[in-house]
Every structure is written in C-alpha cells, then in structure tokens.
C-alpha cells in the first residue's frame, strides 16, 4: 500500500510540475516575444522604414485588386 501512495503522490507531483512549467514557459515566451517586437518596432521607427513598408503594402493591394477586376472568373 505504501508503494501505491508513493506512485500516486509521484504522479500528482509530476502533473503539478508540468502545469507550472507550462505556465512558466508560456509566460516567458509571451514576454520575450513582446520585448523582441518592441525592439524591432523601435529600430524600424528610428531608420524611417515604416513609410516604405506602408507604400509597399499599398502597391501590393492595388496590384491584387487590379488583377482581380481584370479576371472576372476569379471573383465568385
């Protein structure tokens, strides 16, 4: 009976450790991703690359819309 309690306690401990580890991993990944995105955004603002990216996205959107209008079989 004592070994059964040890195994049961061990499973509970393993489960609890995995839950805590998963929460810690998720929290760490979220905080790390936020820091990296913040740094990248700051750097892009400093080198004034944002207007270029906005113009590029606008050009792509205009190109796609133009091609969709000239190809009516693609529009359902």
Protein backbone atom coordinates (compact mmCIF):
# COMPACT_ATOMS: atom_id res chain seq x y z
CA UNK A 1 0.00 0.00 0.00
CA UNK A 2 2.89 2.32 0.70
CA UNK A 3 4.29 1.95 -2.84
CA UNK A 4 0.86 2.76 -4.29
CA UNK A 5 0.78 6.03 -2.31
CA UNK A 6 4.30 6.88 -3.47
CA UNK A 7 3.35 6.32 -7.12
CA UNK A 8 0.13 8.31 -6.74
CA UNK A 9 1.95 11.15 -5.00
CA UNK A 10 4.65 11.00 -7.64
CA UNK A 11 2.06 11.32 -10.47
CA UNK A 12 0.47 14.27 -8.73
CA UNK A 13 3.86 15.90 -8.30
CA UNK A 14 4.78 15.27 -11.95
CA UNK A 15 1.44 16.69 -13.11
CA UNK A 16 1.82 19.79 -10.92
CA UNK A 17 5.41 20.32 -12.06
CA UNK A 18 4.34 20.06 -15.71
CA UNK A 19 1.47 22.52 -15.23
CA UNK A 20 3.73 25.05 -13.51
CA UNK A 21 6.44 24.52 -16.12
CA UNK A 22 3.95 25.03 -18.97
CA UNK A 23 2.61 28.23 -17.45
CA UNK A 24 6.15 29.50 -16.93
CA UNK A 25 7.14 28.61 -20.49
CA UNK A 26 4.07 30.32 -21.96
CA UNK A 27 4.56 33.44 -19.87
CA UNK A 28 8.26 33.59 -20.72
CA UNK A 29 7.58 33.14 -24.44
CA UNK A 30 4.94 35.88 -24.40
CA UNK A 31 7.14 38.35 -22.54
CA UNK A 32 10.15 37.53 -24.74
CA UNK A 33 8.13 37.93 -27.95
CA UNK A 34 6.76 41.27 -26.73
CA UNK A 35 10.26 42.55 -25.96
CA UNK A 36 11.59 41.46 -29.37
CA UNK A 37 8.67 43.07 -31.25
CA UNK A 38 9.11 46.27 -29.24
CA UNK A 39 12.81 46.43 -30.07
CA UNK A 40 12.22 45.72 -33.78
CA UNK A 41 9.48 48.38 -33.94
CA UNK A 42 11.73 50.92 -32.22
CA UNK A 43 14.61 50.22 -34.61
CA UNK A 44 12.34 50.45 -37.68
CA UNK A 45 10.99 53.78 -36.48
CA UNK A 46 14.50 55.12 -35.99
CA UNK A 47 15.56 54.25 -39.54
CA UNK A 48 12.30 55.57 -41.05
CA UNK A 49 11.49 52.31 -42.81
CA UNK A 50 7.79 52.41 -41.92
CA UNK A 51 6.71 54.72 -44.79
CA UNK A 52 8.45 52.38 -47.24
CA UNK A 53 6.62 49.36 -45.81
CA UNK A 54 3.27 51.20 -45.99
CA UNK A 55 3.87 52.20 -49.61
CA UNK A 56 4.91 48.66 -50.47
CA UNK A 57 1.74 47.22 -48.91
CA UNK A 58 -0.41 49.78 -50.75
CA UNK A 59 1.23 48.88 -54.06
CA UNK A 60 0.63 45.17 -53.49
CA UNK A 61 -3.03 45.76 -52.59
CA UNK A 62 -3.58 47.91 -55.68
CA UNK A 63 -1.92 45.27 -57.88
CA UNK A 64 -4.10 42.47 -56.47
CA UNK A 65 -7.30 44.48 -56.82
CA UNK A 66 -6.42 45.46 -60.40
CA UNK A 67 -5.77 41.84 -61.35
CA UNK A 68 -8.97 40.65 -59.67
CA UNK A 69 -11.00 43.17 -61.64
CA UNK A 70 -9.40 42.11 -64.92
CA UNK A 71 -10.04 38.41 -64.18
CA UNK A 72 -13.79 38.06 -63.51
CA UNK A 73 -13.59 34.25 -63.35
CA UNK A 74 -11.65 34.56 -60.08
CA UNK A 75 -14.45 36.52 -58.38
CA UNK A 76 -17.36 34.40 -57.22
